[in-house]
Amino acid sequence: IEHLQDAYIRTIFPTIVALFLFVFSVTS
């Protein structure tokens, strides 16, 4: 259960943020 917090903090959130950054950078 403690490990599953990493699914959000270290996987889901950073991955979505990175995709937004990728699109924003290339578009700019």
PDB file of all heavy atoms in Angstrom:
ATOM      1  N   ILE A   1       0.839  -1.203   0.000  1.00  0.00           N
ATOM      2  CA  ILE A   1       0.000   0.000   0.000  1.00  0.00           C
ATOM      3  C   ILE A   1       0.875   1.253   0.000  1.00  0.00           C
ATOM      4  O   ILE A   1       0.597   2.214  -0.721  1.00  0.00           O
ATOM      5  CB  ILE A   1      -0.950  -0.010   1.216  1.00  0.00           C
ATOM      6  CG1 ILE A   1      -2.040  -1.065   0.979  1.00  0.00           C
ATOM      7  CG2 ILE A   1      -1.592   1.354   1.424  1.00  0.00           C
ATOM      8  CD1 ILE A   1      -3.091  -1.119   2.044  1.00  0.00           C
ATOM      9  N   GLU A   2       1.947   1.244   0.827  1.00  0.00           N
ATOM     10  CA  GLU A   2       2.858   2.383   0.814  1.00  0.00           C
ATOM     11  C   GLU A   2       3.497   2.546  -0.558  1.00  0.00           C
ATOM     12  O   GLU A   2       3.688   3.653  -1.045  1.00  0.00           O
ATOM     13  CB  GLU A   2       3.952   2.189   1.874  1.00  0.00           C
ATOM     14  CG  GLU A   2       3.447   2.254   3.309  1.00  0.00           C
ATOM     15  CD  GLU A   2       2.967   3.643   3.688  1.00  0.00           C
ATOM     16  OE1 GLU A   2       3.437   4.626   3.085  1.00  0.00           O
ATOM     17  OE2 GLU A   2       2.103   3.745   4.568  1.00  0.00           O
ATOM     18  N   HIS A   3       3.794   1.410  -1.188  1.00  0.00           N
ATOM     19  CA  HIS A   3       4.450   1.445  -2.491  1.00  0.00           C
ATOM     20  C   HIS A   3       3.544   2.046  -3.559  1.00  0.00           C
ATOM     21  O   HIS A   3       4.016   2.679  -4.505  1.00  0.00           O
ATOM     22  CB  HIS A   3       4.848   0.019  -2.885  1.00  0.00           C
ATOM     23  CG  HIS A   3       5.660  -0.063  -4.137  1.00  0.00           C
ATOM     24  ND1 HIS A   3       5.201  -0.639  -5.293  1.00  0.00           N
ATOM     25  CD2 HIS A   3       6.907   0.393  -4.432  1.00  0.00           C
ATOM     26  CE1 HIS A   3       6.119  -0.555  -6.241  1.00  0.00           C
ATOM     27  NE2 HIS A   3       7.158   0.050  -5.741  1.00  0.00           N
ATOM     28  N   LEU A   4       2.228   1.865  -3.405  1.00  0.00           N
ATOM     29  CA  LEU A   4       1.298   2.345  -4.423  1.00  0.00           C
ATOM     30  C   LEU A   4       1.202   3.868  -4.462  1.00  0.00           C
ATOM     31  O   LEU A   4       0.697   4.421  -5.434  1.00  0.00           O
ATOM     32  CB  LEU A   4      -0.093   1.731  -4.203  1.00  0.00           C
ATOM     33  CG  LEU A   4      -0.189   0.243  -4.540  1.00  0.00           C
ATOM     34  CD1 LEU A   4      -1.562  -0.291  -4.200  1.00  0.00           C
ATOM     35  CD2 LEU A   4       0.130  -0.006  -6.004  1.00  0.00           C
ATOM     36  N   GLN A   5       1.667   4.531  -3.383  1.00  0.00           N
ATOM     37  CA  GLN A   5       1.682   5.992  -3.458  1.00  0.00           C
ATOM     38  C   GLN A   5       2.657   6.460  -4.540  1.00  0.00           C
ATOM     39  O   GLN A   5       2.463   7.520  -5.145  1.00  0.00           O
ATOM     40  CB  GLN A   5       2.059   6.596  -2.115  1.00  0.00           C
ATOM     41  CG  GLN A   5       3.504   6.379  -1.687  1.00  0.00           C
ATOM     42  CD  GLN A   5       3.797   7.016  -0.348  1.00  0.00           C
ATOM     43  OE1 GLN A   5       3.161   7.983   0.032  1.00  0.00           O
ATOM     44  NE2 GLN A   5       4.755   6.464   0.374  1.00  0.00           N
ATOM     45  N   ASP A   6       3.696   5.648  -4.804  1.00  0.00           N
ATOM     46  CA  ASP A   6       4.649   5.993  -5.851  1.00  0.00           C
ATOM     47  C   ASP A   6       4.000   5.949  -7.233  1.00  0.00           C
ATOM     48  O   ASP A   6       4.472   6.612  -8.166  1.00  0.00           O
ATOM     49  CB  ASP A   6       5.843   5.035  -5.827  1.00  0.00           C
ATOM     50  CG  ASP A   6       6.685   5.207  -4.571  1.00  0.00           C
ATOM     51  OD1 ASP A   6       6.523   6.244  -3.904  1.00  0.00           O
ATOM     52  OD2 ASP A   6       7.483   4.305  -4.251  1.00  0.00           O
ATOM     53  N   ALA A   7       2.930   5.152  -7.377  1.00  0.00           N
ATOM     54  CA  ALA A   7       2.249   5.090  -8.667  1.00  0.00           C
ATOM     55  C   ALA A   7       1.735   6.466  -9.073  1.00  0.00           C
ATOM     56  O   ALA A   7       1.711   6.804 -10.258  1.00  0.00           O
ATOM     57  CB  ALA A   7       1.084   4.099  -8.597  1.00  0.00           C
ATOM     58  N   TYR A   8       1.351   7.260  -8.092  1.00  0.00           N
ATOM     59  CA  TYR A   8       0.866   8.612  -8.384  1.00  0.00           C
ATOM     60  C   TYR A   8       2.018   9.618  -8.367  1.00  0.00           C
ATOM     61  O   TYR A   8       2.205  10.374  -9.328  1.00  0.00           O
ATOM     62  CB  TYR A   8      -0.184   9.033  -7.344  1.00  0.00           C
ATOM     63  CG  TYR A   8      -1.398   8.136  -7.324  1.00  0.00           C
ATOM     64  CD1 TYR A   8      -1.488   7.072  -6.445  1.00  0.00           C
ATOM     65  CD2 TYR A   8      -2.453   8.355  -8.205  1.00  0.00           C
ATOM     66  CE1 TYR A   8      -2.606   6.245  -6.440  1.00  0.00           C
ATOM     67  CE2 TYR A   8      -3.575   7.541  -8.196  1.00  0.00           C
ATOM     68  CZ  TYR A   8      -3.643   6.481  -7.313  1.00  0.00           C
ATOM     69  OH  TYR A   8      -4.738   5.672  -7.309  1.00  0.00           O
ATOM     70  N   ILE A   9       2.796   9.628  -7.280  1.00  0.00           N
ATOM     71  CA  ILE A   9       3.812  10.665  -7.082  1.00  0.00           C
ATOM     72  C   ILE A   9       4.970  10.516  -8.055  1.00  0.00           C
ATOM     73  O   ILE A   9       5.495  11.515  -8.569  1.00  0.00           O
ATOM     74  CB  ILE A   9       4.327  10.628  -5.628  1.00  0.00           C
ATOM     75  CG1 ILE A   9       3.189  11.031  -4.680  1.00  0.00           C
ATOM     76  CG2 ILE A   9       5.515  11.557  -5.446  1.00  0.00           C
ATOM     77  CD1 ILE A   9       3.561  10.929  -3.217  1.00  0.00           C
ATOM     78  N   ARG A  10       5.379   9.265  -8.345  1.00  0.00           N
ATOM     79  CA  ARG A  10       6.579   9.055  -9.154  1.00  0.00           C
ATOM     80  C   ARG A  10       6.312   8.533 -10.559  1.00  0.00           C
ATOM     81  O   ARG A  10       7.250   8.376 -11.336  1.00  0.00           O
ATOM     82  CB  ARG A  10       7.529   8.091  -8.432  1.00  0.00           C
ATOM     83  CG  ARG A  10       8.018   8.633  -7.106  1.00  0.00           C
ATOM     84  CD  ARG A  10       9.046   7.721  -6.493  1.00  0.00           C
ATOM     85  NE  ARG A  10       9.530   8.227  -5.207  1.00  0.00           N
ATOM     86  CZ  ARG A  10      10.425   7.616  -4.446  1.00  0.00           C
ATOM     87  NH1 ARG A  10      10.940   6.468  -4.842  1.00  0.00           N
ATOM     88  NH2 ARG A  10      10.789   8.137  -3.292  1.00  0.00           N
ATOM     89  N   THR A  11       5.066   8.216 -10.855  1.00  0.00           N
ATOM     90  CA  THR A  11       4.777   7.695 -12.190  1.00  0.00           C
ATOM     91  C   THR A  11       3.694   8.499 -12.904  1.00  0.00           C
ATOM     92  O   THR A  11       3.953   9.103 -13.948  1.00  0.00           O
ATOM     93  CB  THR A  11       4.366   6.206 -12.115  1.00  0.00           C
ATOM     94  OG1 THR A  11       5.452   5.449 -11.573  1.00  0.00           O
ATOM     95  CG2 THR A  11       4.034   5.657 -13.495  1.00  0.00           C
ATOM     96  N   ILE A  12       2.484   8.525 -12.363  1.00  0.00           N
ATOM     97  CA  ILE A  12       1.370   9.161 -13.070  1.00  0.00           C
ATOM     98  C   ILE A  12       1.588  10.661 -13.214  1.00  0.00           C
ATOM     99  O   ILE A  12       1.550  11.209 -14.330  1.00  0.00           O
ATOM    100  CB  ILE A  12       0.041   8.859 -12.345  1.00  0.00           C
ATOM    101  CG1 ILE A  12      -0.269   7.363 -12.403  1.00  0.00           C
ATOM    102  CG2 ILE A  12      -1.104   9.666 -12.984  1.00  0.00           C
ATOM    103  CD1 ILE A  12      -1.513   6.957 -11.642  1.00  0.00           C
ATOM    104  N   PHE A  13       1.835  11.353 -12.091  1.00  0.00           N
ATOM    105  CA  PHE A  13       1.997  12.813 -12.153  1.00  0.00           C
ATOM    106  C   PHE A  13       3.200  13.227 -13.003  1.00  0.00           C
ATOM    107  O   PHE A  13       3.051  14.056 -13.913  1.00  0.00           O
ATOM    108  CB  PHE A  13       2.118  13.400 -10.744  1.00  0.00           C
ATOM    109  CG  PHE A  13       0.883  13.215  -9.890  1.00  0.00           C
ATOM    110  CD1 PHE A  13       0.961  13.238  -8.513  1.00  0.00           C
ATOM    111  CD2 PHE A  13      -0.362  13.021 -10.477  1.00  0.00           C
ATOM    112  CE1 PHE A  13      -0.169  13.065  -7.729  1.00  0.00           C
ATOM    113  CE2 PHE A  13      -1.502  12.855  -9.701  1.00  0.00           C
ATOM    114  CZ  PHE A  13      -1.405  12.874  -8.327  1.00  0.00           C
ATOM    115  N   PRO A  14       4.407  12.681 -12.759  1.00  0.00           N
ATOM    116  CA  PRO A  14       5.566  13.113 -13.569  1.00  0.00           C
ATOM    117  C   PRO A  14       5.408  12.804 -15.056  1.00  0.00           C
ATOM    118  O   PRO A  14       5.858  13.587 -15.900  1.00  0.00           O
ATOM    119  CB  PRO A  14       6.743  12.324 -12.964  1.00  0.00           C
ATOM    120  CG  PRO A  14       6.304  11.951 -11.597  1.00  0.00           C
ATOM    121  CD  PRO A  14       4.833  11.745 -11.690  1.00  0.00           C
ATOM    122  N   THR A  15       4.782  11.668 -15.382  1.00  0.00           N
ATOM    123  CA  THR A  15       4.628  11.305 -16.791  1.00  0.00           C
ATOM    124  C   THR A  15       3.700  12.272 -17.514  1.00  0.00           C
ATOM    125  O   THR A  15       3.990  12.729 -18.632  1.00  0.00           O
ATOM    126  CB  THR A  15       4.092   9.865 -16.912  1.00  0.00           C
ATOM    127  OG1 THR A  15       4.994   8.968 -16.253  1.00  0.00           O
ATOM    128  CG2 THR A  15       3.956   9.467 -18.372  1.00  0.00           C
ATOM    129  N   ILE A  16       2.578  12.609 -16.880  1.00  0.00           N
ATOM    130  CA  ILE A  16       1.634  13.553 -17.511  1.00  0.00           C
ATOM    131  C   ILE A  16       2.273  14.930 -17.649  1.00  0.00           C
ATOM    132  O   ILE A  16       2.145  15.592 -18.679  1.00  0.00           O
ATOM    133  CB  ILE A  16       0.328  13.626 -16.701  1.00  0.00           C
ATOM    134  CG1 ILE A  16      -0.380  12.266 -16.716  1.00  0.00           C
ATOM    135  CG2 ILE A  16      -0.600  14.697 -17.268  1.00  0.00           C
ATOM    136  CD1 ILE A  16      -1.618  12.210 -15.857  1.00  0.00           C
ATOM    137  N   VAL A  17       2.975  15.369 -16.596  1.00  0.00           N
ATOM    138  CA  VAL A  17       3.654  16.670 -16.651  1.00  0.00           C
ATOM    139  C   VAL A  17       4.690  16.674 -17.774  1.00  0.00           C
ATOM    140  O   VAL A  17       4.810  17.660 -18.521  1.00  0.00           O
ATOM    141  CB  VAL A  17       4.315  16.993 -15.294  1.00  0.00           C
ATOM    142  CG1 VAL A  17       5.241  18.196 -15.418  1.00  0.00           C
ATOM    143  CG2 VAL A  17       3.255  17.262 -14.229  1.00  0.00           C
ATOM    144  N   ALA A  18       5.439  15.579 -17.911  1.00  0.00           N
ATOM    145  CA  ALA A  18       6.459  15.490 -18.968  1.00  0.00           C
ATOM    146  C   ALA A  18       5.831  15.566 -20.357  1.00  0.00           C
ATOM    147  O   ALA A  18       6.387  16.213 -21.261  1.00  0.00           O
ATOM    148  CB  ALA A  18       7.254  14.195 -18.812  1.00  0.00           C
ATOM    149  N   LEU A  19       4.689  14.923 -20.533  1.00  0.00           N
ATOM    150  CA  LEU A  19       4.014  14.989 -21.838  1.00  0.00           C
ATOM    151  C   LEU A  19       3.581  16.419 -22.164  1.00  0.00           C
ATOM    152  O   LEU A  19       3.723  16.878 -23.301  1.00  0.00           O
ATOM    153  CB  LEU A  19       2.809  14.044 -21.845  1.00  0.00           C
ATOM    154  CG  LEU A  19       3.130  12.540 -21.822  1.00  0.00           C
ATOM    155  CD1 LEU A  19       1.855  11.717 -21.686  1.00  0.00           C
ATOM    156  CD2 LEU A  19       3.900  12.135 -23.071  1.00  0.00           C
ATOM    157  N   PHE A  20       3.045  17.118 -21.164  1.00  0.00           N
ATOM    158  CA  PHE A  20       2.675  18.523 -21.368  1.00  0.00           C
ATOM    159  C   PHE A  20       3.905  19.358 -21.716  1.00  0.00           C
ATOM    160  O   PHE A  20       3.864  20.219 -22.606  1.00  0.00           O
ATOM    161  CB  PHE A  20       1.993  19.083 -20.118  1.00  0.00           C
ATOM    162  CG  PHE A  20       0.522  18.804 -20.059  1.00  0.00           C
ATOM    163  CD1 PHE A  20       0.004  17.947 -19.121  1.00  0.00           C
ATOM    164  CD2 PHE A  20      -0.355  19.400 -20.964  1.00  0.00           C
ATOM    165  CE1 PHE A  20      -1.351  17.677 -19.058  1.00  0.00           C
ATOM    166  CE2 PHE A  20      -1.713  19.139 -20.913  1.00  0.00           C
ATOM    167  CZ  PHE A  20      -2.228  18.279 -19.953  1.00  0.00           C
ATOM    168  N   LEU A  21       5.014  19.124 -21.007  1.00  0.00           N
ATOM    169  CA  LEU A  21       6.248  19.859 -21.275  1.00  0.00           C
ATOM    170  C   LEU A  21       6.749  19.588 -22.693  1.00  0.00           C
ATOM    171  O   LEU A  21       7.207  20.499 -23.395  1.00  0.00           O
ATOM    172  CB  LEU A  21       7.329  19.460 -20.267  1.00  0.00           C
ATOM    173  CG  LEU A  21       7.361  20.192 -18.941  1.00  0.00           C
ATOM    174  CD1 LEU A  21       8.439  19.598 -18.045  1.00  0.00           C
ATOM    175  CD2 LEU A  21       7.623  21.683 -19.146  1.00  0.00           C
ATOM    176  N   PHE A  22       6.680  18.328 -23.099  1.00  0.00           N
ATOM    177  CA  PHE A  22       7.125  17.943 -24.432  1.00  0.00           C
ATOM    178  C   PHE A  22       6.322  18.690 -25.503  1.00  0.00           C
ATOM    179  O   PHE A  22       6.892  19.308 -26.415  1.00  0.00           O
ATOM    180  CB  PHE A  22       6.972  16.434 -24.598  1.00  0.00           C
ATOM    181  CG  PHE A  22       7.250  15.935 -25.985  1.00  0.00           C
ATOM    182  CD1 PHE A  22       8.552  15.780 -26.431  1.00  0.00           C
ATOM    183  CD2 PHE A  22       6.209  15.619 -26.853  1.00  0.00           C
ATOM    184  CE1 PHE A  22       8.817  15.321 -27.710  1.00  0.00           C
ATOM    185  CE2 PHE A  22       6.458  15.148 -28.136  1.00  0.00           C
ATOM    186  CZ  PHE A  22       7.764  15.011 -28.560  1.00  0.00           C
ATOM    187  N   VAL A  23       4.991  18.642 -25.376  1.00  0.00           N
ATOM    188  CA  VAL A  23       4.133  19.311 -26.356  1.00  0.00           C
ATOM    189  C   VAL A  23       4.370  20.822 -26.342  1.00  0.00           C
ATOM    190  O   VAL A  23       4.487  21.467 -27.396  1.00  0.00           O
ATOM    191  CB  VAL A  23       2.647  18.984 -26.077  1.00  0.00           C
ATOM    192  CG1 VAL A  23       1.737  19.817 -26.983  1.00  0.00           C
ATOM    193  CG2 VAL A  23       2.383  17.500 -26.264  1.00  0.00           C
ATOM    194  N   PHE A  24       4.463  21.401 -25.136  1.00  0.00           N
ATOM    195  CA  PHE A  24       4.667  22.845 -25.015  1.00  0.00           C
ATOM    196  C   PHE A  24       6.002  23.271 -25.634  1.00  0.00           C
ATOM    197  O   PHE A  24       6.071  24.284 -26.356  1.00  0.00           O
ATOM    198  CB  PHE A  24       4.617  23.248 -23.537  1.00  0.00           C
ATOM    199  CG  PHE A  24       4.926  24.689 -23.288  1.00  0.00           C
ATOM    200  CD1 PHE A  24       3.964  25.681 -23.488  1.00  0.00           C
ATOM    201  CD2 PHE A  24       6.190  25.085 -22.844  1.00  0.00           C
ATOM    202  CE1 PHE A  24       4.251  27.011 -23.267  1.00  0.00           C
ATOM    203  CE2 PHE A  24       6.486  26.415 -22.613  1.00  0.00           C
ATOM    204  CZ  PHE A  24       5.514  27.387 -22.826  1.00  0.00           C
ATOM    205  N   SER A  25       7.058  22.526 -25.369  1.00  0.00           N
ATOM    206  CA  SER A  25       8.393  22.882 -25.854  1.00  0.00           C
ATOM    207  C   SER A  25       8.465  22.812 -27.374  1.00  0.00           C
ATOM    208  O   SER A  25       8.957  23.743 -28.040  1.00  0.00           O
ATOM    209  CB  SER A  25       9.439  21.951 -25.244  1.00  0.00           C
ATOM    210  OG  SER A  25       9.384  21.984 -23.831  1.00  0.00           O
ATOM    211  N   VAL A  26       7.972  21.699 -27.927  1.00  0.00           N
ATOM    212  CA  VAL A  26       8.035  21.514 -29.378  1.00  0.00           C
ATOM    213  C   VAL A  26       7.163  22.552 -30.081  1.00  0.00           C
ATOM    214  O   VAL A  26       7.557  23.146 -31.099  1.00  0.00           O
ATOM    215  CB  VAL A  26       7.606  20.087 -29.752  1.00  0.00           C
ATOM    216  CG1 VAL A  26       7.518  19.934 -31.276  1.00  0.00           C
ATOM    217  CG2 VAL A  26       8.593  19.070 -29.180  1.00  0.00           C
ATOM    218  N   THR A  27       5.966  22.800 -29.527  1.00  0.00           N
ATOM    219  CA  THR A  27       5.062  23.793 -30.129  1.00  0.00           C
ATOM    220  C   THR A  27       5.672  25.188 -30.090  1.00  0.00           C
ATOM    221  O   THR A  27       5.608  25.942 -31.083  1.00  0.00           O
ATOM    222  CB  THR A  27       3.706  23.792 -29.392  1.00  0.00           C
ATOM    223  OG1 THR A  27       3.153  22.475 -29.425  1.00  0.00           O
ATOM    224  CG2 THR A  27       2.742  24.770 -30.043  1.00  0.00           C
ATOM    225  N   SER A  28       6.269  25.561 -28.964  1.00  0.00           N
ATOM    226  CA  SER A  28       6.882  26.891 -28.833  1.00  0.00           C
ATOM    227  C   SER A  28       8.039  27.056 -29.799  1.00  0.00           C
ATOM    228  O   SER A  28       8.204  28.106 -30.440  1.00  0.00           O
ATOM    229  CB  SER A  28       7.361  27.101 -27.391  1.00  0.00           C
ATOM    230  OG  SER A  28       6.291  27.013 -26.482  1.00  0.00           O
TER     231      SER A  28
END
